[in-house]
Amino acid sequence: MAQASVNFRIDAELKENVEEICKKMGMNLTTAITVFLTKVAQERRIPFEITADADPFYSESNIRYLEKKMEDYKAGRLRLAEHDLID
């Protein structure tokens, strides 16, 4: 198998922390990254869950709010006002 070099920048403190953890596991950072990339290639996915904060528009409280507004609209209880649109 041919070797390839990969260069990337990461936070120096993060690198030091991860190198220390890898050392305690008996490997270096290169080996840890190789293990990660091998797992990605085998599974064709990131081998752990990556999440972001949920979009607040879809929060339960906002959905309830919107459903109440729609109910009020259908019942004729919602006050609507015209306004100038922002360009």
N, C-alpha and C. Protein backbone atom coordinates (compact mmCIF):
# COMPACT_ATOMS: atom_id res chain seq x y z
N MET A 1 0.85 -1.17 0.00
CA MET A 1 0.00 0.00 0.00
C MET A 1 0.90 1.24 0.00
N ALA A 2 0.64 2.15 -0.91
CA ALA A 2 1.42 3.39 -1.00
C ALA A 2 1.04 4.31 0.15
N GLN A 3 2.01 5.06 0.60
CA GLN A 3 1.81 6.01 1.69
C GLN A 3 1.50 7.39 1.12
N ALA A 4 0.70 8.15 1.84
CA ALA A 4 0.38 9.52 1.45
C ALA A 4 0.51 10.40 2.69
N SER A 5 0.87 11.64 2.48
CA SER A 5 0.95 12.59 3.58
C SER A 5 -0.28 13.48 3.57
N VAL A 6 -0.76 13.80 4.76
CA VAL A 6 -1.90 14.70 4.91
C VAL A 6 -1.47 15.77 5.91
N ASN A 7 -1.65 17.01 5.55
CA ASN A 7 -1.32 18.13 6.44
C ASN A 7 -2.59 18.89 6.76
N PHE A 8 -2.80 19.18 8.04
CA PHE A 8 -3.93 20.00 8.45
C PHE A 8 -3.58 20.74 9.72
N ARG A 9 -4.31 21.79 10.00
CA ARG A 9 -4.06 22.60 11.19
C ARG A 9 -5.15 22.33 12.22
N ILE A 10 -4.71 22.18 13.47
CA ILE A 10 -5.64 22.06 14.59
C ILE A 10 -5.09 22.89 15.74
N ASP A 11 -5.92 23.15 16.70
CA ASP A 11 -5.53 23.89 17.88
C ASP A 11 -4.39 23.15 18.59
N ALA A 12 -3.35 23.88 18.96
CA ALA A 12 -2.16 23.27 19.56
C ALA A 12 -2.49 22.55 20.87
N GLU A 13 -3.33 23.14 21.68
CA GLU A 13 -3.71 22.51 22.96
C GLU A 13 -4.49 21.22 22.72
N LEU A 14 -5.40 21.24 21.75
CA LEU A 14 -6.15 20.03 21.41
C LEU A 14 -5.20 18.92 20.97
N LYS A 15 -4.24 19.28 20.12
CA LYS A 15 -3.26 18.30 19.62
C LYS A 15 -2.49 17.68 20.78
N GLU A 16 -2.01 18.51 21.69
CA GLU A 16 -1.26 18.01 22.84
C GLU A 16 -2.10 17.09 23.70
N ASN A 17 -3.34 17.48 23.96
CA ASN A 17 -4.24 16.64 24.77
C ASN A 17 -4.48 15.29 24.13
N VAL A 18 -4.74 15.30 22.83
CA VAL A 18 -5.02 14.05 22.12
C VAL A 18 -3.77 13.19 22.03
N GLU A 19 -2.62 13.81 21.81
CA GLU A 19 -1.37 13.05 21.77
C GLU A 19 -1.12 12.35 23.11
N GLU A 20 -1.40 13.02 24.20
CA GLU A 20 -1.21 12.42 25.53
C GLU A 20 -2.16 11.24 25.74
N ILE A 21 -3.40 11.40 25.32
CA ILE A 21 -4.38 10.31 25.43
C ILE A 21 -3.95 9.13 24.57
N CYS A 22 -3.54 9.41 23.34
CA CYS A 22 -3.08 8.35 22.44
C CYS A 22 -1.88 7.62 23.02
N LYS A 23 -0.96 8.36 23.63
CA LYS A 23 0.23 7.76 24.23
C LYS A 23 -0.17 6.77 25.33
N LYS A 24 -1.18 7.13 26.13
CA LYS A 24 -1.66 6.25 27.19
C LYS A 24 -2.31 4.98 26.61
N MET A 25 -2.77 5.07 25.36
CA MET A 25 -3.37 3.92 24.68
C MET A 25 -2.34 3.13 23.89
N GLY A 26 -1.08 3.59 23.91
CA GLY A 26 -0.02 2.88 23.21
C GLY A 26 0.06 3.19 21.73
N MET A 27 -0.40 4.36 21.34
CA MET A 27 -0.30 4.74 19.92
C MET A 27 0.04 6.21 19.81
N ASN A 28 0.41 6.61 18.62
CA ASN A 28 0.66 8.03 18.38
C ASN A 28 -0.54 8.62 17.63
N LEU A 29 -0.49 9.91 17.39
CA LEU A 29 -1.60 10.61 16.73
C LEU A 29 -1.82 10.08 15.31
N THR A 30 -0.75 9.79 14.59
CA THR A 30 -0.87 9.26 13.24
C THR A 30 -1.64 7.94 13.24
N THR A 31 -1.32 7.06 14.18
CA THR A 31 -2.03 5.78 14.27
C THR A 31 -3.50 6.00 14.60
N ALA A 32 -3.79 6.92 15.52
CA ALA A 32 -5.18 7.19 15.90
C ALA A 32 -5.97 7.71 14.70
N ILE A 33 -5.38 8.60 13.93
CA ILE A 33 -6.07 9.14 12.75
C ILE A 33 -6.24 8.04 11.70
N THR A 34 -5.24 7.17 11.57
CA THR A 34 -5.35 6.05 10.62
C THR A 34 -6.48 5.11 11.04
N VAL A 35 -6.61 4.85 12.34
CA VAL A 35 -7.71 4.01 12.84
C VAL A 35 -9.06 4.66 12.49
N PHE A 36 -9.16 5.96 12.74
CA PHE A 36 -10.39 6.69 12.42
C PHE A 36 -10.72 6.59 10.93
N LEU A 37 -9.75 6.87 10.08
CA LEU A 37 -9.99 6.87 8.64
C LEU A 37 -10.31 5.46 8.12
N THR A 38 -9.67 4.44 8.70
CA THR A 38 -9.97 3.06 8.32
C THR A 38 -11.41 2.72 8.66
N LYS A 39 -11.86 3.13 9.83
CA LYS A 39 -13.24 2.88 10.25
C LYS A 39 -14.23 3.60 9.33
N VAL A 40 -13.94 4.83 8.94
CA VAL A 40 -14.79 5.57 8.00
C VAL A 40 -14.87 4.82 6.68
N ALA A 41 -13.74 4.36 6.19
CA ALA A 41 -13.71 3.64 4.91
C ALA A 41 -14.50 2.33 5.00
N GLN A 42 -14.40 1.62 6.11
CA GLN A 42 -15.09 0.35 6.27
C GLN A 42 -16.61 0.53 6.40
N GLU A 43 -17.01 1.50 7.20
CA GLU A 43 -18.43 1.69 7.50
C GLU A 43 -19.13 2.70 6.59
N ARG A 44 -18.32 3.47 5.85
CA ARG A 44 -18.84 4.51 4.96
C ARG A 44 -19.69 5.51 5.73
N ARG A 45 -19.24 5.85 6.92
CA ARG A 45 -19.91 6.84 7.78
C ARG A 45 -18.92 7.30 8.84
N ILE A 46 -19.22 8.43 9.50
CA ILE A 46 -18.44 8.86 10.64
C ILE A 46 -18.76 7.89 11.78
N PRO A 47 -17.78 7.29 12.42
CA PRO A 47 -18.05 6.22 13.39
C PRO A 47 -18.52 6.69 14.77
N PHE A 48 -19.11 7.84 14.83
CA PHE A 48 -19.71 8.34 16.07
C PHE A 48 -20.75 9.37 15.68
N GLU A 49 -21.64 9.66 16.62
CA GLU A 49 -22.72 10.59 16.32
C GLU A 49 -22.24 12.03 16.40
N ILE A 50 -22.61 12.81 15.42
CA ILE A 50 -22.31 14.24 15.41
C ILE A 50 -23.65 14.96 15.39
N THR A 51 -23.84 15.85 16.34
CA THR A 51 -25.12 16.56 16.42
C THR A 51 -24.88 18.06 16.54
N ALA A 52 -25.90 18.78 16.24
CA ALA A 52 -25.90 20.23 16.44
C ALA A 52 -27.16 20.57 17.20
N ASP A 53 -27.18 21.74 17.77
CA ASP A 53 -28.40 22.17 18.45
C ASP A 53 -29.56 22.14 17.46
N ALA A 54 -30.68 21.67 17.94
CA ALA A 54 -31.86 21.60 17.10
C ALA A 54 -32.30 23.00 16.67
N ASP A 55 -32.89 23.07 15.50
CA ASP A 55 -33.43 24.34 15.00
C ASP A 55 -34.59 24.74 15.90
N PRO A 56 -34.51 25.91 16.55
CA PRO A 56 -35.57 26.31 17.47
C PRO A 56 -36.95 26.45 16.81
N PHE A 57 -36.99 26.63 15.50
CA PHE A 57 -38.27 26.72 14.82
C PHE A 57 -39.08 25.45 15.03
N TYR A 58 -38.39 24.30 15.10
CA TYR A 58 -39.07 23.02 15.22
C TYR A 58 -39.19 22.53 16.66
N SER A 59 -38.93 23.40 17.62
CA SER A 59 -39.04 23.00 19.02
C SER A 59 -40.52 22.73 19.35
N GLU A 60 -40.74 21.90 20.37
CA GLU A 60 -42.11 21.56 20.75
C GLU A 60 -42.90 22.80 21.13
N SER A 61 -42.27 23.72 21.85
CA SER A 61 -42.99 24.92 22.28
C SER A 61 -43.38 25.79 21.09
N ASN A 62 -42.52 25.91 20.09
CA ASN A 62 -42.86 26.72 18.91
C ASN A 62 -43.94 26.04 18.07
N ILE A 63 -43.87 24.73 17.95
CA ILE A 63 -44.90 24.00 17.20
C ILE A 63 -46.27 24.21 17.87
N ARG A 64 -46.30 24.11 19.20
CA ARG A 64 -47.56 24.35 19.92
C ARG A 64 -48.05 25.78 19.69
N TYR A 65 -47.13 26.75 19.73
CA TYR A 65 -47.47 28.14 19.48
C TYR A 65 -48.07 28.32 18.08
N LEU A 66 -47.43 27.75 17.08
CA LEU A 66 -47.92 27.86 15.71
C LEU A 66 -49.27 27.17 15.51
N GLU A 67 -49.44 26.01 16.15
CA GLU A 67 -50.73 25.30 16.07
C GLU A 67 -51.83 26.14 16.70
N LYS A 68 -51.53 26.79 17.83
CA LYS A 68 -52.53 27.67 18.49
C LYS A 68 -52.87 28.84 17.59
N LYS A 69 -51.88 29.45 16.98
CA LYS A 69 -52.13 30.57 16.07
C LYS A 69 -52.98 30.13 14.87
N MET A 70 -52.72 28.95 14.33
CA MET A 70 -53.50 28.45 13.21
C MET A 70 -54.94 28.18 13.65
N GLU A 71 -55.08 27.63 14.85
CA GLU A 71 -56.43 27.39 15.39
C GLU A 71 -57.18 28.72 15.55
N ASP A 72 -56.50 29.73 16.09
CA ASP A 72 -57.11 31.05 16.25
C ASP A 72 -57.46 31.66 14.89
N TYR A 73 -56.58 31.49 13.90
CA TYR A 73 -56.82 32.00 12.55
C TYR A 73 -58.07 31.36 11.95
N LYS A 74 -58.16 30.04 12.05
CA LYS A 74 -59.30 29.33 11.47
C LYS A 74 -60.60 29.69 12.17
N ALA A 75 -60.51 30.02 13.47
CA ALA A 75 -61.71 30.38 14.23
C ALA A 75 -62.02 31.87 14.12
N GLY A 76 -61.20 32.63 13.40
CA GLY A 76 -61.43 34.06 13.22
C GLY A 76 -61.02 34.89 14.43
N ARG A 77 -60.25 34.33 15.33
CA ARG A 77 -59.82 35.05 16.54
C ARG A 77 -58.46 35.72 16.40
N LEU A 78 -57.78 35.48 15.31
CA LEU A 78 -56.43 36.03 15.14
C LEU A 78 -56.52 37.40 14.50
N ARG A 79 -55.91 38.38 15.13
CA ARG A 79 -55.89 39.73 14.57
C ARG A 79 -54.73 39.84 13.60
N LEU A 80 -55.03 40.20 12.39
CA LEU A 80 -54.01 40.38 11.37
C LEU A 80 -53.88 41.86 11.06
N ALA A 81 -52.68 42.30 10.80
CA ALA A 81 -52.44 43.72 10.48
C ALA A 81 -51.56 43.79 9.26
N GLU A 82 -51.85 44.73 8.39
CA GLU A 82 -51.00 44.95 7.23
C GLU A 82 -49.76 45.72 7.66
N HIS A 83 -48.66 45.47 6.96
CA HIS A 83 -47.45 46.22 7.22
C HIS A 83 -46.63 46.28 5.93
N ASP A 84 -45.70 47.22 5.92
CA ASP A 84 -44.82 47.34 4.76
C ASP A 84 -43.79 46.22 4.81
N LEU A 85 -43.58 45.61 3.67
CA LEU A 85 -42.56 44.58 3.62
C LEU A 85 -41.18 45.21 3.61
N ILE A 86 -40.25 44.54 4.21
CA ILE A 86 -38.87 45.03 4.25
C ILE A 86 -38.20 44.58 2.95
N ASP A 87 -37.52 45.52 2.30
CA ASP A 87 -36.79 45.18 1.07
C ASP A 87 -35.59 44.34 1.38
